[in-house]
Amino acid sequence: MMEGTRRLSDDATSKKVAKAAILMAISENREEEHRLQSRENAAGMRVAAMDFGGEALTSISKIIERAVVGSKREGVILDNHAEEGAVAGAAHEVISQVLSRSIGLNFGGKIGVARMGGHLCVAAFFAIGMIHLDDVAIAVAHRAVEEMK
């Protein structure tokens, strides 16, 4: 296989994985999550979604922990240091992308995690604000991981 051909295939896979993570993060309810999960599993991709919420600065570690635990529970990652670190790092990156807009405010939403081949993406939908005066944001991060055996 030519180098250029392989690169295009990797780009297409990372785009699919990012899209799946975003769709999980913006899913409306558990039924939609399960529909997406069934569809992506049939296509050879593993996905998971977890809700989160709270005061921005004090919620960071809980959000990262939820992403890791939910990813293990749904079989997106294996129970090992490298894969947990990949999800934790990507989840931290996603939070970092919106944190400056969130200091002193609450945020809540949903994290979506998707994995296929050597690609893992974490995406999050955020509602940021107080009371009913919310702004919204979506953030995505990618990590290269070993392919699951």
C-alpha atoms as a PDB file:
ATOM      1  CA  MET A   1       0.000   0.000   0.000  1.00  0.00           C
ATOM      2  CA  MET A   2       1.325   3.440  -0.872  1.00  0.00           C
ATOM      3  CA  GLU A   3       2.060   5.871   1.968  1.00  0.00           C
ATOM      4  CA  GLY A   4      -0.426   8.423   0.651  1.00  0.00           C
ATOM      5  CA  THR A   5      -3.201   5.828   0.487  1.00  0.00           C
ATOM      6  CA  ARG A   6      -2.659   4.686   4.076  1.00  0.00           C
ATOM      7  CA  ARG A   7      -2.674   8.281   5.317  1.00  0.00           C
ATOM      8  CA  LEU A   8      -6.003   8.995   3.642  1.00  0.00           C
ATOM      9  CA  SER A   9      -7.489   5.894   5.252  1.00  0.00           C
ATOM     10  CA  ASP A  10      -6.241   6.995   8.703  1.00  0.00           C
ATOM     11  CA  ASP A  11      -7.732  10.473   8.181  1.00  0.00           C
ATOM     12  CA  ALA A  12     -11.077   8.977   7.186  1.00  0.00           C
ATOM     13  CA  THR A  13     -11.110   6.733  10.267  1.00  0.00           C
ATOM     14  CA  SER A  14     -10.232   9.565  12.643  1.00  0.00           C
ATOM     15  CA  LYS A  15     -13.035  11.644  11.111  1.00  0.00           C
ATOM     16  CA  LYS A  16     -15.536   8.792  11.615  1.00  0.00           C
ATOM     17  CA  VAL A  17     -14.427   8.320  15.216  1.00  0.00           C
ATOM     18  CA  ALA A  18     -14.674  12.054  15.957  1.00  0.00           C
ATOM     19  CA  LYS A  19     -18.147  12.177  14.401  1.00  0.00           C
ATOM     20  CA  ALA A  20     -19.318   9.210  16.490  1.00  0.00           C
ATOM     21  CA  ALA A  21     -17.996  10.807  19.705  1.00  0.00           C
ATOM     22  CA  ILE A  22     -19.783  14.069  18.859  1.00  0.00           C
ATOM     23  CA  LEU A  23     -23.045  12.262  18.077  1.00  0.00           C
ATOM     24  CA  MET A  24     -22.852  10.453  21.418  1.00  0.00           C
ATOM     25  CA  ALA A  25     -22.173  13.753  23.217  1.00  0.00           C
ATOM     26  CA  ILE A  26     -25.204  15.463  21.646  1.00  0.00           C
ATOM     27  CA  SER A  27     -27.582  12.507  21.911  1.00  0.00           C
ATOM     28  CA  GLU A  28     -30.901  13.495  23.452  1.00  0.00           C
ATOM     29  CA  ASN A  29     -31.551  10.526  25.735  1.00  0.00           C
ATOM     30  CA  ARG A  30     -30.553   6.964  26.660  1.00  0.00           C
ATOM     31  CA  GLU A  31     -32.640   5.459  23.873  1.00  0.00           C
ATOM     32  CA  GLU A  32     -30.781   7.483  21.264  1.00  0.00           C
ATOM     33  CA  GLU A  33     -27.458   6.568  22.911  1.00  0.00           C
ATOM     34  CA  HIS A  34     -28.335   2.864  22.671  1.00  0.00           C
ATOM     35  CA  ARG A  35     -29.395   3.210  19.017  1.00  0.00           C
ATOM     36  CA  LEU A  36     -26.105   4.923  18.161  1.00  0.00           C
ATOM     37  CA  GLN A  37     -24.176   2.352  20.176  1.00  0.00           C
ATOM     38  CA  SER A  38     -25.804  -0.546  18.327  1.00  0.00           C
ATOM     39  CA  ARG A  39     -25.147   1.040  14.932  1.00  0.00           C
ATOM     40  CA  GLU A  40     -21.501   1.857  15.692  1.00  0.00           C
ATOM     41  CA  ASN A  41     -20.819  -1.548  17.270  1.00  0.00           C
ATOM     42  CA  ALA A  42     -22.112  -3.192  14.085  1.00  0.00           C
ATOM     43  CA  ALA A  43     -19.629  -1.048  12.105  1.00  0.00           C
ATOM     44  CA  GLY A  44     -16.710  -2.149  14.328  1.00  0.00           C
ATOM     45  CA  MET A  45     -16.564   0.957  16.509  1.00  0.00           C
ATOM     46  CA  ARG A  46     -16.976   1.105  20.293  1.00  0.00           C
ATOM     47  CA  VAL A  47     -18.784   4.113  21.826  1.00  0.00           C
ATOM     48  CA  ALA A  48     -19.978   5.340  25.223  1.00  0.00           C
ATOM     49  CA  ALA A  49     -21.616   8.438  26.700  1.00  0.00           C
ATOM     50  CA  MET A  50     -21.669   9.872  30.204  1.00  0.00           C
ATOM     51  CA  ASP A  51     -23.539  12.865  31.696  1.00  0.00           C
ATOM     52  CA  PHE A  52     -21.795  15.435  33.895  1.00  0.00           C
ATOM     53  CA  GLY A  53     -22.487  18.668  35.701  1.00  0.00           C
ATOM     54  CA  GLY A  54     -21.412  21.015  38.460  1.00  0.00           C
ATOM     55  CA  GLU A  55     -19.252  24.019  39.176  1.00  0.00           C
ATOM     56  CA  ALA A  56     -16.611  24.233  36.457  1.00  0.00           C
ATOM     57  CA  LEU A  57     -13.362  24.183  38.422  1.00  0.00           C
ATOM     58  CA  THR A  58     -14.396  21.702  41.111  1.00  0.00           C
ATOM     59  CA  SER A  59     -15.956  19.254  38.613  1.00  0.00           C
ATOM     60  CA  ILE A  60     -12.898  18.613  36.429  1.00  0.00           C
ATOM     61  CA  SER A  61     -11.607  15.471  38.153  1.00  0.00           C
ATOM     62  CA  LYS A  62     -15.106  13.955  38.424  1.00  0.00           C
ATOM     63  CA  ILE A  63     -15.743  14.502  34.703  1.00  0.00           C
ATOM     64  CA  ILE A  64     -12.441  12.867  33.759  1.00  0.00           C
ATOM     65  CA  GLU A  65     -13.151   9.980  36.131  1.00  0.00           C
ATOM     66  CA  ARG A  66     -16.610   9.478  34.598  1.00  0.00           C
ATOM     67  CA  ALA A  67     -15.120   9.375  31.110  1.00  0.00           C
ATOM     68  CA  VAL A  68     -12.588   6.710  32.125  1.00  0.00           C
ATOM     69  CA  VAL A  69     -15.003   4.563  34.157  1.00  0.00           C
ATOM     70  CA  GLY A  70     -17.768   4.768  31.525  1.00  0.00           C
ATOM     71  CA  SER A  71     -15.329   3.902  28.737  1.00  0.00           C
ATOM     72  CA  LYS A  72     -14.170   0.800  30.617  1.00  0.00           C
ATOM     73  CA  ARG A  73     -17.736  -0.217  31.495  1.00  0.00           C
ATOM     74  CA  GLU A  74     -18.836  -0.021  27.840  1.00  0.00           C
ATOM     75  CA  GLY A  75     -15.758  -1.840  26.515  1.00  0.00           C
ATOM     76  CA  VAL A  76     -14.336   1.168  24.659  1.00  0.00           C
ATOM     77  CA  ILE A  77     -11.016   0.761  26.470  1.00  0.00           C
ATOM     78  CA  LEU A  78      -9.262  -2.048  28.270  1.00  0.00           C
ATOM     79  CA  ASP A  79      -8.534  -1.910  31.984  1.00  0.00           C
ATOM     80  CA  ASN A  80      -4.920  -0.776  31.715  1.00  0.00           C
ATOM     81  CA  HIS A  81      -2.866   2.302  32.458  1.00  0.00           C
ATOM     82  CA  ALA A  82      -2.185   3.340  28.848  1.00  0.00           C
ATOM     83  CA  GLU A  83      -5.815   3.230  27.710  1.00  0.00           C
ATOM     84  CA  GLU A  84      -7.149   4.876  30.853  1.00  0.00           C
ATOM     85  CA  GLY A  85      -4.518   7.590  30.354  1.00  0.00           C
ATOM     86  CA  ALA A  86      -5.559   8.120  26.733  1.00  0.00           C
ATOM     87  CA  VAL A  87      -9.183   8.745  27.735  1.00  0.00           C
ATOM     88  CA  ALA A  88      -8.194  10.847  30.753  1.00  0.00           C
ATOM     89  CA  GLY A  89      -5.828  12.978  28.656  1.00  0.00           C
ATOM     90  CA  ALA A  90      -8.359  13.519  25.884  1.00  0.00           C
ATOM     91  CA  ALA A  91     -11.117  14.332  28.415  1.00  0.00           C
ATOM     92  CA  HIS A  92      -8.815  16.826  30.122  1.00  0.00           C
ATOM     93  CA  GLU A  93      -8.035  18.423  26.753  1.00  0.00           C
ATOM     94  CA  VAL A  94     -11.762  18.734  25.976  1.00  0.00           C
ATOM     95  CA  ILE A  95     -12.389  20.467  29.309  1.00  0.00           C
ATOM     96  CA  SER A  96      -9.383  22.750  28.774  1.00  0.00           C
ATOM     97  CA  GLN A  97     -10.888  23.958  25.497  1.00  0.00           C
ATOM     98  CA  VAL A  98     -13.864  25.537  27.325  1.00  0.00           C
ATOM     99  CA  LEU A  99     -12.562  26.120  30.854  1.00  0.00           C
ATOM    100  CA  SER A 100     -11.576  29.774  30.402  1.00  0.00           C
ATOM    101  CA  ARG A 101     -15.183  30.553  29.437  1.00  0.00           C
ATOM    102  CA  SER A 102     -16.481  28.627  32.447  1.00  0.00           C
ATOM    103  CA  ILE A 103     -14.559  29.894  35.474  1.00  0.00           C
ATOM    104  CA  GLY A 104     -16.985  30.902  38.200  1.00  0.00           C
ATOM    105  CA  LEU A 105     -19.920  29.324  36.379  1.00  0.00           C
ATOM    106  CA  ASN A 106     -21.565  25.936  36.247  1.00  0.00           C
ATOM    107  CA  PHE A 107     -21.377  23.612  33.336  1.00  0.00           C
ATOM    108  CA  GLY A 108     -23.142  20.423  32.481  1.00  0.00           C
ATOM    109  CA  GLY A 109     -23.641  18.201  29.515  1.00  0.00           C
ATOM    110  CA  LYS A 110     -22.497  14.918  28.099  1.00  0.00           C
ATOM    111  CA  ILE A 111     -19.207  13.318  27.132  1.00  0.00           C
ATOM    112  CA  GLY A 112     -19.039  10.953  24.177  1.00  0.00           C
ATOM    113  CA  VAL A 113     -16.136   8.544  23.666  1.00  0.00           C
ATOM    114  CA  ALA A 114     -15.509   6.563  20.483  1.00  0.00           C
ATOM    115  CA  ARG A 115     -12.787   4.170  19.375  1.00  0.00           C
ATOM    116  CA  MET A 116     -11.995   2.360  16.168  1.00  0.00           C
ATOM    117  CA  GLY A 117      -8.670   0.854  15.228  1.00  0.00           C
ATOM    118  CA  GLY A 118      -5.900   3.050  16.576  1.00  0.00           C
ATOM    119  CA  HIS A 119      -8.128   6.116  16.970  1.00  0.00           C
ATOM    120  CA  LEU A 120      -9.838   7.276  20.146  1.00  0.00           C
ATOM    121  CA  CYS A 121     -11.847  10.508  20.396  1.00  0.00           C
ATOM    122  CA  VAL A 122     -13.515  12.218  23.310  1.00  0.00           C
ATOM    123  CA  ALA A 123     -16.119  14.890  22.607  1.00  0.00           C
ATOM    124  CA  ALA A 124     -18.217  16.891  25.028  1.00  0.00           C
ATOM    125  CA  PHE A 125     -21.291  19.049  24.735  1.00  0.00           C
ATOM    126  CA  PHE A 126     -21.304  21.793  27.381  1.00  0.00           C
ATOM    127  CA  ALA A 127     -24.041  24.098  28.635  1.00  0.00           C
ATOM    128  CA  ILE A 128     -22.132  26.841  30.473  1.00  0.00           C
ATOM    129  CA  GLY A 129     -23.729  29.467  32.698  1.00  0.00           C
ATOM    130  CA  MET A 130     -26.055  29.956  35.607  1.00  0.00           C
ATOM    131  CA  ILE A 131     -29.752  29.573  36.163  1.00  0.00           C
ATOM    132  CA  HIS A 132     -31.233  29.428  32.631  1.00  0.00           C
ATOM    133  CA  LEU A 133     -28.691  31.795  31.045  1.00  0.00           C
ATOM    134  CA  ASP A 134     -26.509  29.241  29.301  1.00  0.00           C
ATOM    135  CA  ASP A 135     -24.005  29.343  26.495  1.00  0.00           C
ATOM    136  CA  VAL A 136     -23.174  26.116  24.654  1.00  0.00           C
ATOM    137  CA  ALA A 137     -19.953  24.630  23.333  1.00  0.00           C
ATOM    138  CA  ILE A 138     -18.650  21.419  21.803  1.00  0.00           C
ATOM    139  CA  ALA A 139     -15.044  20.303  22.146  1.00  0.00           C
ATOM    140  CA  VAL A 140     -13.207  17.289  20.675  1.00  0.00           C
ATOM    141  CA  ALA A 141      -9.838  15.671  21.330  1.00  0.00           C
ATOM    142  CA  HIS A 142      -8.102  12.715  19.621  1.00  0.00           C
ATOM    143  CA  ARG A 143      -5.568  10.208  20.874  1.00  0.00           C
ATOM    144  CA  ALA A 144      -3.684   7.478  19.040  1.00  0.00           C
ATOM    145  CA  VAL A 145      -4.014   4.124  20.813  1.00  0.00           C
ATOM    146  CA  GLU A 146      -3.006   0.541  20.153  1.00  0.00           C
ATOM    147  CA  GLU A 147      -5.582  -1.426  18.225  1.00  0.00           C
ATOM    148  CA  MET A 148      -7.672  -3.740  20.427  1.00  0.00           C
ATOM    149  CA  LYS A 149      -6.933  -7.416  20.002  1.00  0.00           C
END
